[in-house]
Amino acid sequence: MSKQKTTYTEAVAELEQILATLENSQEINMDVISEKVKRAAVLIELCKKQLHELDADMEKIISDLKE
């Protein structure tokens, strides 16, 4: 089975959900917090990578238009 790539929009939505969960939680469960922070770090890296790729693509398109 192939693994579907998480889109930027999906990653941001999941990050927002993680933040809302942590902000609204009344109990402090360090295991849950640790798990959520680790997942958030993965999602942030994914977003950064996708933004860098988009930036490189846009620069190439602009460069090609100038030629």
C-alpha atoms as a PDB file:
ATOM      1  CA  MET A   1       0.000   0.000   0.000  1.00  0.00           C
ATOM      2  CA  SER A   2       1.418   3.408  -0.936  1.00  0.00           C
ATOM      3  CA  LYS A   3       1.788   6.109   1.663  1.00  0.00           C
ATOM      4  CA  GLN A   4      -0.126   9.286   0.807  1.00  0.00           C
ATOM      5  CA  LYS A   5       1.864  12.506   1.163  1.00  0.00           C
ATOM      6  CA  THR A   6       0.443  14.963   3.685  1.00  0.00           C
ATOM      7  CA  THR A   7      -0.381  18.268   2.030  1.00  0.00           C
ATOM      8  CA  TYR A   8       0.603  21.630   3.476  1.00  0.00           C
ATOM      9  CA  THR A   9      -3.052  22.405   4.180  1.00  0.00           C
ATOM     10  CA  GLU A  10      -3.563  19.093   5.987  1.00  0.00           C
ATOM     11  CA  ALA A  11      -0.413  19.643   8.054  1.00  0.00           C
ATOM     12  CA  VAL A  12      -1.479  23.139   9.088  1.00  0.00           C
ATOM     13  CA  ALA A  13      -4.955  21.878  10.002  1.00  0.00           C
ATOM     14  CA  GLU A  14      -3.456  19.118  12.136  1.00  0.00           C
ATOM     15  CA  LEU A  15      -1.112  21.618  13.810  1.00  0.00           C
ATOM     16  CA  GLU A  16      -4.082  23.833  14.638  1.00  0.00           C
ATOM     17  CA  GLN A  17      -5.922  20.826  16.064  1.00  0.00           C
ATOM     18  CA  ILE A  18      -2.915  19.888  18.213  1.00  0.00           C
ATOM     19  CA  LEU A  19      -2.655  23.448  19.512  1.00  0.00           C
ATOM     20  CA  ALA A  20      -6.366  23.618  20.307  1.00  0.00           C
ATOM     21  CA  THR A  21      -6.190  20.280  22.120  1.00  0.00           C
ATOM     22  CA  LEU A  22      -3.251  21.422  24.235  1.00  0.00           C
ATOM     23  CA  GLU A  23      -4.803  24.819  24.982  1.00  0.00           C
ATOM     24  CA  ASN A  24      -8.147  23.334  26.026  1.00  0.00           C
ATOM     25  CA  SER A  25      -6.832  20.416  28.048  1.00  0.00           C
ATOM     26  CA  GLN A  26      -7.498  20.627  31.776  1.00  0.00           C
ATOM     27  CA  GLU A  27      -5.213  17.756  32.699  1.00  0.00           C
ATOM     28  CA  ILE A  28      -1.462  17.673  32.361  1.00  0.00           C
ATOM     29  CA  ASN A  29      -0.438  14.336  30.920  1.00  0.00           C
ATOM     30  CA  MET A  30       3.225  14.605  30.025  1.00  0.00           C
ATOM     31  CA  ASP A  31       3.102  11.537  27.783  1.00  0.00           C
ATOM     32  CA  VAL A  32       0.305  13.026  25.691  1.00  0.00           C
ATOM     33  CA  ILE A  33       1.982  16.436  25.588  1.00  0.00           C
ATOM     34  CA  SER A  34       5.263  14.860  24.516  1.00  0.00           C
ATOM     35  CA  GLU A  35       3.534  12.872  21.769  1.00  0.00           C
ATOM     36  CA  LYS A  36       1.705  15.952  20.479  1.00  0.00           C
ATOM     37  CA  VAL A  37       4.857  18.117  20.525  1.00  0.00           C
ATOM     38  CA  LYS A  38       6.802  15.441  18.610  1.00  0.00           C
ATOM     39  CA  ARG A  39       4.045  15.207  15.991  1.00  0.00           C
ATOM     40  CA  ALA A  40       3.915  19.001  15.741  1.00  0.00           C
ATOM     41  CA  ALA A  41       7.677  19.093  15.112  1.00  0.00           C
ATOM     42  CA  VAL A  42       7.294  16.588  12.258  1.00  0.00           C
ATOM     43  CA  LEU A  43       4.457  18.628  10.761  1.00  0.00           C
ATOM     44  CA  ILE A  44       6.406  21.887  11.043  1.00  0.00           C
ATOM     45  CA  GLU A  45       9.380  20.335   9.231  1.00  0.00           C
ATOM     46  CA  LEU A  46       7.040  19.040   6.535  1.00  0.00           C
ATOM     47  CA  CYS A  47       5.558  22.525   6.088  1.00  0.00           C
ATOM     48  CA  LYS A  48       9.000  24.135   5.956  1.00  0.00           C
ATOM     49  CA  LYS A  49      10.153  21.655   3.313  1.00  0.00           C
ATOM     50  CA  GLN A  50       7.070  22.214   1.184  1.00  0.00           C
ATOM     51  CA  LEU A  51       7.432  26.006   1.464  1.00  0.00           C
ATOM     52  CA  HIS A  52      11.101  25.820   0.420  1.00  0.00           C
ATOM     53  CA  GLU A  53      10.158  23.636  -2.561  1.00  0.00           C
ATOM     54  CA  LEU A  54       7.417  26.066  -3.550  1.00  0.00           C
ATOM     55  CA  ASP A  55       9.826  28.994  -3.229  1.00  0.00           C
ATOM     56  CA  ALA A  56      12.381  27.249  -5.468  1.00  0.00           C
ATOM     57  CA  ASP A  57       9.679  26.455  -8.041  1.00  0.00           C
ATOM     58  CA  MET A  58       8.469  30.056  -8.051  1.00  0.00           C
ATOM     59  CA  GLU A  59      12.003  31.409  -8.450  1.00  0.00           C
ATOM     60  CA  LYS A  60      12.561  29.081 -11.426  1.00  0.00           C
ATOM     61  CA  ILE A  61       9.292  30.151 -13.041  1.00  0.00           C
ATOM     62  CA  ILE A  62      10.150  33.836 -12.577  1.00  0.00           C
ATOM     63  CA  SER A  63      13.658  33.258 -13.895  1.00  0.00           C
ATOM     64  CA  ASP A  64      12.279  31.454 -16.949  1.00  0.00           C
ATOM     65  CA  LEU A  65       9.869  34.330 -17.613  1.00  0.00           C
ATOM     66  CA  LYS A  66      12.722  36.855 -17.580  1.00  0.00           C
ATOM     67  CA  GLU A  67      14.596  34.974 -20.307  1.00  0.00           C
END
